[in-house]
Amino acid sequence: MRVLLDECVPRKLKRELAEHQVLTVTEQGWSGITNGQLLTLAEAEFDVFLTGNQNNKYRQNLTASRIAIILLVARNNRLKTLLAINARSERSFEERQDWDFVQVGKS
């Protein structure tokens, strides 16, 4: 599965997803691109967009998207905190469908 990590997600999370093909927004050369355009670019090349940006669910028409979006919700964005909810996000990878929006964790 091809996974794109948003800029707001620690790059080190990539190591924890070794069974998937994972790239970061920065590695793709897409740093600074706004969310709507970023999702358009991502859906052409990726299956899942992994983000911590809680505004995505309000700003985007997610049902028109061809990429699953997994929102990691935690009290902070540190790797240690996100690892605690990582197992649930990986289950979401396998269960995902195009245009899915899945929220994992809680604030």
N, C-alpha and C. Protein backbone atom coordinates (compact mmCIF):
# COMPACT_ATOMS: atom_id res chain seq x y z
N MET A 1 0.83 -1.16 0.00
CA MET A 1 0.00 0.00 0.00
C MET A 1 0.89 1.25 0.00
N ARG A 2 0.54 2.23 -0.80
CA ARG A 2 1.32 3.48 -0.88
C ARG A 2 0.70 4.51 0.07
N VAL A 3 1.53 5.00 0.99
CA VAL A 3 1.08 5.91 2.04
C VAL A 3 1.85 7.22 1.94
N LEU A 4 1.13 8.33 2.02
CA LEU A 4 1.75 9.65 2.04
C LEU A 4 1.59 10.23 3.44
N LEU A 5 2.72 10.62 4.06
CA LEU A 5 2.70 11.26 5.38
C LEU A 5 2.66 12.77 5.20
N ASP A 6 1.71 13.39 5.84
CA ASP A 6 1.56 14.84 5.80
C ASP A 6 2.74 15.50 6.52
N GLU A 7 2.94 16.78 6.24
CA GLU A 7 4.04 17.52 6.85
C GLU A 7 3.91 17.62 8.36
N CYS A 8 2.70 17.56 8.88
CA CYS A 8 2.48 17.71 10.32
C CYS A 8 2.68 16.40 11.09
N VAL A 9 2.99 15.33 10.39
CA VAL A 9 3.24 14.03 11.03
C VAL A 9 4.75 13.82 11.10
N PRO A 10 5.27 13.39 12.26
CA PRO A 10 6.72 13.18 12.36
C PRO A 10 7.23 12.19 11.30
N ARG A 11 8.30 12.57 10.62
CA ARG A 11 8.88 11.70 9.58
C ARG A 11 9.28 10.34 10.12
N LYS A 12 9.67 10.28 11.38
CA LYS A 12 10.12 9.02 11.96
C LYS A 12 9.00 7.98 12.02
N LEU A 13 7.77 8.39 11.89
CA LEU A 13 6.66 7.44 11.86
C LEU A 13 6.78 6.52 10.65
N LYS A 14 7.47 6.98 9.64
CA LYS A 14 7.69 6.19 8.42
C LYS A 14 8.33 4.84 8.74
N ARG A 15 9.27 4.82 9.68
CA ARG A 15 9.94 3.56 10.06
C ARG A 15 8.95 2.54 10.62
N GLU A 16 7.92 3.02 11.28
CA GLU A 16 6.93 2.13 11.89
C GLU A 16 5.97 1.54 10.86
N LEU A 17 6.01 2.03 9.67
CA LEU A 17 5.12 1.57 8.60
C LEU A 17 5.92 0.87 7.50
N ALA A 18 6.95 0.16 7.90
CA ALA A 18 7.91 -0.43 6.95
C ALA A 18 7.28 -1.42 5.97
N GLU A 19 6.14 -2.00 6.32
CA GLU A 19 5.53 -2.97 5.41
C GLU A 19 4.77 -2.29 4.27
N HIS A 20 4.71 -0.96 4.30
CA HIS A 20 4.06 -0.19 3.25
C HIS A 20 5.09 0.67 2.52
N GLN A 21 4.74 1.14 1.35
CA GLN A 21 5.57 2.11 0.64
C GLN A 21 5.17 3.49 1.14
N VAL A 22 6.05 4.10 1.93
CA VAL A 22 5.71 5.35 2.59
C VAL A 22 6.66 6.45 2.12
N LEU A 23 6.07 7.57 1.73
CA LEU A 23 6.82 8.77 1.39
C LEU A 23 6.22 9.93 2.16
N THR A 24 7.03 10.95 2.39
CA THR A 24 6.53 12.15 3.04
C THR A 24 6.19 13.20 1.98
N VAL A 25 5.40 14.17 2.38
CA VAL A 25 5.07 15.28 1.49
C VAL A 25 6.36 15.95 1.02
N THR A 26 7.30 16.12 1.93
CA THR A 26 8.58 16.75 1.59
C THR A 26 9.35 15.93 0.57
N GLU A 27 9.41 14.62 0.75
CA GLU A 27 10.11 13.75 -0.20
C GLU A 27 9.49 13.83 -1.60
N GLN A 28 8.20 14.05 -1.65
CA GLN A 28 7.51 14.18 -2.93
C GLN A 28 7.75 15.55 -3.57
N GLY A 29 8.32 16.48 -2.81
CA GLY A 29 8.53 17.83 -3.32
C GLY A 29 7.27 18.68 -3.26
N TRP A 30 6.35 18.31 -2.37
CA TRP A 30 5.07 18.98 -2.27
C TRP A 30 4.94 19.85 -1.02
N SER A 31 6.03 20.19 -0.38
CA SER A 31 5.99 21.02 0.83
C SER A 31 5.30 22.35 0.53
N GLY A 32 4.46 22.76 1.47
CA GLY A 32 3.80 24.06 1.35
C GLY A 32 2.58 24.10 0.45
N ILE A 33 2.24 23.00 -0.19
CA ILE A 33 1.06 22.96 -1.05
C ILE A 33 -0.18 22.89 -0.17
N THR A 34 -1.19 23.64 -0.50
CA THR A 34 -2.41 23.66 0.31
C THR A 34 -3.13 22.31 0.25
N ASN A 35 -3.94 22.05 1.26
CA ASN A 35 -4.56 20.74 1.42
C ASN A 35 -5.39 20.28 0.23
N GLY A 36 -6.20 21.16 -0.34
CA GLY A 36 -7.03 20.75 -1.47
C GLY A 36 -6.18 20.29 -2.65
N GLN A 37 -5.18 21.05 -2.99
CA GLN A 37 -4.29 20.69 -4.09
C GLN A 37 -3.44 19.47 -3.72
N LEU A 38 -3.03 19.40 -2.47
CA LEU A 38 -2.22 18.27 -2.01
C LEU A 38 -3.00 16.96 -2.16
N LEU A 39 -4.26 16.97 -1.77
CA LEU A 39 -5.07 15.75 -1.90
C LEU A 39 -5.27 15.37 -3.37
N THR A 40 -5.42 16.35 -4.23
CA THR A 40 -5.55 16.06 -5.66
C THR A 40 -4.29 15.39 -6.20
N LEU A 41 -3.13 15.91 -5.83
CA LEU A 41 -1.87 15.30 -6.25
C LEU A 41 -1.71 13.91 -5.65
N ALA A 42 -2.02 13.78 -4.37
CA ALA A 42 -1.80 12.52 -3.65
C ALA A 42 -2.68 11.40 -4.18
N GLU A 43 -3.92 11.70 -4.51
CA GLU A 43 -4.82 10.63 -4.92
C GLU A 43 -4.41 9.98 -6.24
N ALA A 44 -3.58 10.65 -7.00
CA ALA A 44 -3.09 10.06 -8.25
C ALA A 44 -1.98 9.04 -8.02
N GLU A 45 -1.33 9.09 -6.86
CA GLU A 45 -0.17 8.23 -6.61
C GLU A 45 -0.23 7.40 -5.34
N PHE A 46 -1.15 7.71 -4.44
CA PHE A 46 -1.16 7.05 -3.14
C PHE A 46 -2.53 6.47 -2.82
N ASP A 47 -2.54 5.48 -1.91
CA ASP A 47 -3.77 4.86 -1.45
C ASP A 47 -4.29 5.53 -0.18
N VAL A 48 -3.35 5.99 0.65
CA VAL A 48 -3.70 6.53 1.97
C VAL A 48 -2.92 7.82 2.21
N PHE A 49 -3.60 8.82 2.78
CA PHE A 49 -2.98 10.05 3.24
C PHE A 49 -3.08 10.07 4.75
N LEU A 50 -1.95 10.06 5.43
CA LEU A 50 -1.91 10.02 6.89
C LEU A 50 -1.58 11.41 7.40
N THR A 51 -2.47 11.99 8.19
CA THR A 51 -2.33 13.37 8.62
C THR A 51 -2.69 13.54 10.08
N GLY A 52 -2.27 14.64 10.63
CA GLY A 52 -2.67 15.04 11.97
C GLY A 52 -3.46 16.34 11.92
N ASN A 53 -3.72 16.84 10.73
CA ASN A 53 -4.42 18.10 10.53
C ASN A 53 -5.92 17.89 10.66
N GLN A 54 -6.47 18.28 11.80
CA GLN A 54 -7.88 18.05 12.06
C GLN A 54 -8.80 18.91 11.21
N ASN A 55 -8.28 19.93 10.56
CA ASN A 55 -9.10 20.78 9.71
C ASN A 55 -9.45 20.13 8.38
N ASN A 56 -8.74 19.07 8.00
CA ASN A 56 -9.02 18.41 6.71
C ASN A 56 -10.46 17.97 6.58
N LYS A 57 -11.03 17.45 7.66
CA LYS A 57 -12.39 16.92 7.56
C LYS A 57 -13.42 18.02 7.35
N TYR A 58 -13.07 19.26 7.67
CA TYR A 58 -14.00 20.36 7.49
C TYR A 58 -13.79 21.11 6.18
N ARG A 59 -12.59 21.10 5.66
CA ARG A 59 -12.25 21.91 4.48
C ARG A 59 -12.47 21.20 3.16
N GLN A 60 -12.45 19.91 3.16
CA GLN A 60 -12.41 19.18 1.90
C GLN A 60 -13.73 18.46 1.62
N ASN A 61 -14.02 18.28 0.33
CA ASN A 61 -15.12 17.43 -0.09
C ASN A 61 -14.55 16.02 -0.19
N LEU A 62 -14.57 15.30 0.91
CA LEU A 62 -13.87 14.02 0.98
C LEU A 62 -14.54 12.94 0.16
N THR A 63 -15.83 13.04 -0.07
CA THR A 63 -16.50 12.00 -0.86
C THR A 63 -16.09 12.06 -2.32
N ALA A 64 -15.52 13.16 -2.76
CA ALA A 64 -15.06 13.27 -4.14
C ALA A 64 -13.63 12.75 -4.30
N SER A 65 -12.99 12.44 -3.21
CA SER A 65 -11.59 12.03 -3.22
C SER A 65 -11.46 10.54 -3.53
N ARG A 66 -10.35 10.18 -4.16
CA ARG A 66 -10.07 8.78 -4.45
C ARG A 66 -8.94 8.25 -3.57
N ILE A 67 -8.75 8.89 -2.44
CA ILE A 67 -7.70 8.47 -1.51
C ILE A 67 -8.32 8.40 -0.11
N ALA A 68 -7.92 7.40 0.64
CA ALA A 68 -8.38 7.30 2.03
C ALA A 68 -7.55 8.24 2.88
N ILE A 69 -8.22 8.95 3.78
CA ILE A 69 -7.54 9.88 4.68
C ILE A 69 -7.67 9.35 6.09
N ILE A 70 -6.52 9.18 6.74
CA ILE A 70 -6.52 8.73 8.13
C ILE A 70 -5.98 9.87 8.97
N LEU A 71 -6.83 10.35 9.89
CA LEU A 71 -6.49 11.44 10.77
C LEU A 71 -6.04 10.87 12.12
N LEU A 72 -4.80 11.17 12.49
CA LEU A 72 -4.29 10.77 13.79
C LEU A 72 -4.59 11.87 14.78
N VAL A 73 -5.40 11.57 15.77
CA VAL A 73 -5.78 12.55 16.77
C VAL A 73 -5.14 12.16 18.09
N ALA A 74 -4.31 13.06 18.60
CA ALA A 74 -3.60 12.79 19.86
C ALA A 74 -3.40 14.11 20.60
N ARG A 75 -3.02 14.01 21.86
CA ARG A 75 -2.84 15.23 22.66
C ARG A 75 -1.65 16.06 22.20
N ASN A 76 -0.70 15.42 21.48
CA ASN A 76 0.41 16.15 20.88
C ASN A 76 0.88 15.36 19.66
N ASN A 77 1.83 15.91 18.96
CA ASN A 77 2.29 15.32 17.70
C ASN A 77 3.65 14.64 17.84
N ARG A 78 4.01 14.27 19.05
CA ARG A 78 5.29 13.59 19.26
C ARG A 78 5.18 12.13 18.82
N LEU A 79 6.29 11.62 18.34
CA LEU A 79 6.32 10.25 17.84
C LEU A 79 5.84 9.26 18.90
N LYS A 80 6.32 9.39 20.10
CA LYS A 80 5.93 8.46 21.18
C LYS A 80 4.42 8.43 21.37
N THR A 81 3.79 9.58 21.32
CA THR A 81 2.34 9.66 21.48
C THR A 81 1.64 9.01 20.29
N LEU A 82 2.11 9.28 19.10
CA LEU A 82 1.47 8.73 17.90
C LEU A 82 1.67 7.22 17.79
N LEU A 83 2.77 6.71 18.31
CA LEU A 83 2.99 5.26 18.27
C LEU A 83 1.93 4.51 19.07
N ALA A 84 1.41 5.16 20.09
CA ALA A 84 0.38 4.52 20.92
C ALA A 84 -0.90 4.26 20.13
N ILE A 85 -1.16 5.04 19.11
CA ILE A 85 -2.36 4.83 18.30
C ILE A 85 -2.04 4.25 16.92
N ASN A 86 -0.77 3.97 16.67
CA ASN A 86 -0.35 3.49 15.36
C ASN A 86 -0.99 2.15 14.97
N ALA A 87 -1.14 1.24 15.89
CA ALA A 87 -1.72 -0.07 15.55
C ALA A 87 -3.13 0.10 15.01
N ARG A 88 -3.90 0.99 15.60
CA ARG A 88 -5.26 1.23 15.11
C ARG A 88 -5.24 1.87 13.73
N SER A 89 -4.27 2.72 13.46
CA SER A 89 -4.21 3.34 12.13
C SER A 89 -3.86 2.30 11.08
N GLU A 90 -3.00 1.35 11.42
CA GLU A 90 -2.64 0.31 10.45
C GLU A 90 -3.83 -0.58 10.13
N ARG A 91 -4.68 -0.88 11.10
CA ARG A 91 -5.92 -1.62 10.81
C ARG A 91 -6.77 -0.84 9.83
N SER A 92 -6.78 0.47 9.99
CA SER A 92 -7.55 1.32 9.09
C SER A 92 -7.01 1.26 7.67
N PHE A 93 -5.70 1.07 7.51
CA PHE A 93 -5.12 0.93 6.17
C PHE A 93 -5.77 -0.25 5.46
N GLU A 94 -5.84 -1.36 6.15
CA GLU A 94 -6.34 -2.59 5.54
C GLU A 94 -7.85 -2.53 5.27
N GLU A 95 -8.57 -1.80 6.10
CA GLU A 95 -10.02 -1.74 5.98
C GLU A 95 -10.50 -0.58 5.11
N ARG A 96 -9.59 0.24 4.68
CA ARG A 96 -9.94 1.48 3.99
C ARG A 96 -10.59 1.23 2.63
N GLN A 97 -11.33 2.23 2.22
CA GLN A 97 -11.89 2.29 0.88
C GLN A 97 -11.55 3.66 0.33
N ASP A 98 -11.62 3.80 -0.98
CA ASP A 98 -11.42 5.13 -1.56
C ASP A 98 -12.39 6.09 -0.89
N TRP A 99 -11.98 7.32 -0.72
CA TRP A 99 -12.71 8.43 -0.13
C TRP A 99 -13.00 8.26 1.36
N ASP A 100 -12.55 7.20 1.99
CA ASP A 100 -12.76 7.04 3.42
C ASP A 100 -12.07 8.15 4.19
N PHE A 101 -12.71 8.56 5.26
CA PHE A 101 -12.08 9.45 6.23
C PHE A 101 -12.19 8.75 7.56
N VAL A 102 -11.04 8.38 8.13
CA VAL A 102 -11.03 7.63 9.38
C VAL A 102 -10.28 8.44 10.42
N GLN A 103 -10.91 8.63 11.56
CA GLN A 103 -10.24 9.32 12.67
C GLN A 103 -9.78 8.27 13.67
N VAL A 104 -8.49 8.31 14.00
CA VAL A 104 -7.90 7.33 14.91
C VAL A 104 -7.37 8.07 16.13
N GLY A 105 -7.77 7.65 17.30
CA GLY A 105 -7.32 8.29 18.54
C GLY A 105 -8.31 9.34 18.97
N LYS A 106 -7.94 10.05 20.00
CA LYS A 106 -8.79 11.14 20.50
C LYS A 106 -7.92 12.18 21.16
N SER A 107 -8.40 13.40 21.17
CA SER A 107 -7.62 14.49 21.73
C SER A 107 -7.76 14.57 23.24
